[in-house]
Protein backbone atom coordinates (compact mmCIF):
# COMPACT_ATOMS: atom_id res chain seq x y z
CA UNK A 1 14.40 9.79 26.88
CA UNK A 2 11.96 12.58 26.12
CA UNK A 3 8.79 11.11 27.60
CA UNK A 4 6.34 13.96 27.39
CA UNK A 5 5.14 16.87 25.34
CA UNK A 6 6.95 20.08 24.42
CA UNK A 7 5.06 23.02 22.94
CA UNK A 8 5.76 26.57 21.78
CA UNK A 9 2.44 27.61 20.28
CA UNK A 10 2.17 31.32 19.42
CA UNK A 11 -0.67 33.56 18.28
CA UNK A 12 -1.87 33.43 14.68
CA UNK A 13 0.31 35.75 12.58
CA UNK A 14 3.29 35.52 14.95
CA UNK A 15 6.44 33.41 14.69
CA UNK A 16 6.37 30.06 16.42
CA UNK A 17 8.91 28.85 18.93
CA UNK A 18 12.44 27.50 18.56
CA UNK A 19 13.76 24.15 19.73
CA UNK A 20 17.35 22.96 19.68
CA UNK A 21 17.98 19.30 20.49
CA UNK A 22 21.55 18.05 21.03
CA UNK A 23 22.77 14.46 21.41
CA UNK A 24 25.69 12.21 20.66
CA UNK A 25 23.72 10.94 17.64
CA UNK A 26 20.34 12.05 16.22
CA UNK A 27 18.01 9.98 14.07
CA UNK A 28 14.62 10.89 12.58
CA UNK A 29 12.48 7.80 11.95
CA UNK A 30 9.01 7.23 10.54
CA UNK A 31 6.27 7.90 13.05
CA UNK A 32 5.34 4.77 14.95
CA UNK A 33 8.74 3.12 14.48
CA UNK A 34 9.57 1.52 17.83
CA UNK A 35 12.97 2.60 19.13
CA UNK A 36 12.50 1.35 22.68
CA UNK A 37 10.84 -1.83 23.89
CA UNK A 38 7.20 -1.39 24.88
CA UNK A 39 8.21 -2.62 28.35
CA UNK A 40 10.70 0.26 28.81
CA UNK A 41 9.73 2.71 31.56
CA UNK A 42 11.19 6.14 32.28
CA UNK A 43 13.95 5.83 34.87
CA UNK A 44 15.12 2.39 33.75
CA UNK A 45 18.61 1.82 32.36
CA UNK A 46 18.68 2.46 28.64
CA UNK A 47 19.12 -0.56 26.37
CA UNK A 48 22.56 -1.07 24.81
CA UNK A 49 23.09 1.21 21.85
CA UNK A 50 20.64 3.88 23.02
CA UNK A 51 22.91 5.88 25.35
CA UNK A 52 23.79 9.23 23.78
CA UNK A 53 21.17 8.78 21.01
CA UNK A 54 18.11 10.87 20.27
CA UNK A 55 15.51 9.10 18.12
CA UNK A 56 12.55 11.22 17.00
CA UNK A 57 9.46 10.22 15.07
CA UNK A 58 9.00 12.40 11.99
CA UNK A 59 5.71 13.64 13.46
CA UNK A 60 7.34 14.75 16.73
CA UNK A 61 7.03 18.48 15.91
CA UNK A 62 3.46 18.28 14.53
CA UNK A 63 1.04 20.50 16.46
CA UNK A 64 3.77 21.82 18.77
CA UNK A 65 4.11 25.39 17.48
CA UNK A 66 7.85 25.02 16.87
CA UNK A 67 8.82 26.73 13.61
CA UNK A 68 12.60 26.74 14.16
CA UNK A 69 14.00 23.23 14.55
CA UNK A 70 17.67 22.53 15.21
CA UNK A 71 19.02 18.97 15.50
CA UNK A 72 22.70 18.75 16.46
CA UNK A 73 24.87 15.69 17.04
CA UNK A 74 28.43 15.02 18.08
CA UNK A 75 28.52 12.24 15.48
CA UNK A 76 25.78 11.69 12.89
CA UNK A 77 22.39 13.22 12.11
CA UNK A 78 20.26 10.84 10.04
CA UNK A 79 16.87 11.56 8.51
CA UNK A 80 15.72 8.10 7.44
CA UNK A 81 14.22 7.26 4.06
CA UNK A 82 10.57 8.16 3.49
CA UNK A 83 10.32 10.46 6.50
CA UNK A 84 9.08 14.04 6.50
CA UNK A 85 10.33 16.86 8.72
CA UNK A 86 8.70 20.28 8.77
CA UNK A 87 7.88 23.08 11.22
CA UNK A 88 4.50 23.16 12.94
CA UNK A 89 1.65 25.29 11.63
CA UNK A 90 -0.24 25.17 14.95
CA UNK A 91 -1.16 28.59 16.37
CA UNK A 92 -3.45 29.93 19.09
CA UNK A 93 -6.46 32.15 18.57
CA UNK A 94 -9.22 33.57 20.76
CA UNK A 95 -12.66 32.03 20.50
CA UNK A 96 -14.12 34.54 22.96
CA UNK A 97 -12.56 36.69 25.70
CA UNK A 98 -10.40 34.57 27.97
CA UNK A 99 -10.75 31.38 25.87
CA UNK A 100 -8.07 30.22 23.45
CA UNK A 101 -7.84 27.26 21.13
CA UNK A 102 -5.27 25.91 18.71
CA UNK A 103 -5.73 26.12 14.94
CA UNK A 104 -3.70 25.08 11.90
CA UNK A 105 -2.50 28.30 10.23
CA UNK A 106 -1.93 28.60 6.49
CA UNK A 107 1.79 28.39 5.62
CA UNK A 108 1.81 31.98 4.30
CA UNK A 109 0.76 33.18 7.78
CA UNK A 110 3.13 30.93 9.71
CA UNK A 111 5.99 33.44 9.98
CA UNK A 112 9.67 32.56 9.84
CA UNK A 113 10.67 28.90 9.77
CA UNK A 114 13.92 26.94 9.69
CA UNK A 115 15.42 23.48 9.96
CA UNK A 116 19.08 23.03 10.92
CA UNK A 117 20.94 19.71 10.89
CA UNK A 118 24.50 19.83 12.28
CA UNK A 119 26.76 16.78 12.67
CA UNK A 120 30.26 16.16 14.00
CA UNK A 121 30.99 19.72 15.01
CA UNK A 122 32.18 20.18 18.59
CA UNK A 123 35.03 22.58 17.94
CA UNK A 124 33.47 25.60 19.62
CA UNK A 125 33.19 27.64 16.41
CA UNK A 126 30.74 28.02 13.57
CA UNK A 127 27.65 25.85 14.00
CA UNK A 128 29.19 24.13 17.00
CA UNK A 129 27.41 22.03 19.54
CA UNK A 130 29.71 22.81 22.47
CA UNK A 131 29.49 19.48 24.29
CA UNK A 132 31.98 20.26 27.05
CA UNK A 133 30.27 17.73 29.35
CA UNK A 134 30.73 14.82 26.92
CA UNK A 135 34.40 14.27 27.76
CA UNK A 136 33.84 10.54 28.36
CA UNK A 137 32.66 10.14 24.77
CA UNK A 138 35.49 12.27 23.40
CA UNK A 139 38.11 10.16 25.22
CA UNK A 140 36.88 6.99 23.46
CA UNK A 141 38.99 6.61 20.25
CA UNK A 142 36.11 5.02 18.30
CA UNK A 143 33.75 7.83 19.27
CA UNK A 144 36.41 10.44 18.47
CA UNK A 145 36.70 8.98 14.96
CA UNK A 146 32.91 9.18 14.52
CA UNK A 147 32.97 12.83 15.64
CA UNK A 148 35.73 13.63 13.17
CA UNK A 149 33.69 11.97 10.43
CA UNK A 150 30.25 13.23 11.55
CA UNK A 151 27.78 12.88 8.69
CA UNK A 152 24.39 14.31 7.87
CA UNK A 153 22.41 11.71 5.94
CA UNK A 154 19.01 12.38 4.38
CA UNK A 155 17.59 9.14 2.99
CA UNK A 156 15.84 8.52 -0.30
CA UNK A 157 12.27 9.75 -0.25
CA UNK A 158 12.88 11.85 2.89
CA UNK A 159 11.55 15.40 2.82
CA UNK A 160 12.60 18.56 4.68
CA UNK A 161 10.21 21.44 4.05
CA UNK A 162 9.98 24.95 5.48
CA UNK A 163 7.45 27.72 4.81
CA UNK A 164 7.87 30.40 2.16
CA UNK A 165 10.94 32.51 2.96
CA UNK A 166 12.28 29.92 5.42
CA UNK A 167 15.70 28.29 5.54
CA UNK A 168 17.25 24.84 5.63
CA UNK A 169 20.87 24.53 6.78
CA UNK A 170 22.84 21.29 6.74
CA UNK A 171 26.44 20.98 7.95
CA UNK A 172 28.72 18.10 8.77
CA UNK A 173 32.11 16.66 8.02
CA UNK A 174 30.25 14.92 5.21
CA UNK A 175 26.76 15.32 3.76
CA UNK A 176 24.80 12.62 1.90
CA UNK A 177 21.45 13.83 0.56
CA UNK A 178 19.15 11.47 -1.33
CA UNK A 179 15.93 13.18 -0.24
CA UNK A 180 14.04 16.36 -1.10
CA UNK A 181 14.49 19.88 0.36
CA UNK A 182 11.91 22.62 -0.14
CA UNK A 183 12.31 26.27 0.94
CA UNK A 184 10.13 28.36 -1.44
CA UNK A 185 11.62 31.86 -1.86
CA UNK A 186 13.96 30.93 1.01
CA UNK A 187 17.48 29.64 1.53
CA UNK A 188 19.06 26.21 1.46
CA UNK A 189 22.68 26.01 2.73
CA UNK A 190 24.80 22.86 2.68
CA UNK A 191 28.27 22.78 4.25
CA UNK A 192 30.67 19.84 4.24
């Protein structure tokens, strides 16, 4: 459970930060979609079905400064229908000597940006996750089958957008895209 804030805000005109999140399964949901009971508290035992899962609201990276986002899963990466995933435009600037504040930069001044979705790849090569500490999951035959069939799914109406010149890379044992990708003057790579 990520119960806090992560930030990588840079100066205006500079590249933002990078974040790489790894889990057994990754799911991007609409902001505000409850994935844990409101009575759940950090430190409690996770509810059934949540162990090994990372569930992110589609606004998770807003105002964080992260311009390179990598979501990797041993099994599936799912971007649910009608969600939107994009790098942050938030940057720092000086208001007067010694005082900084955060501003929303124009996309053309945001610097490099990327989104990577990688599913079912734990082989140690290519876009691998390298989950050597997940041996208990790998020894479960049902989980092993899910790893071997790891899918990237982008639901209908979902949107992945990077800034001009940025890149979107999707790889999995299978890829099912019903949404929209946008990388103006950039690169979109899909591997299955």
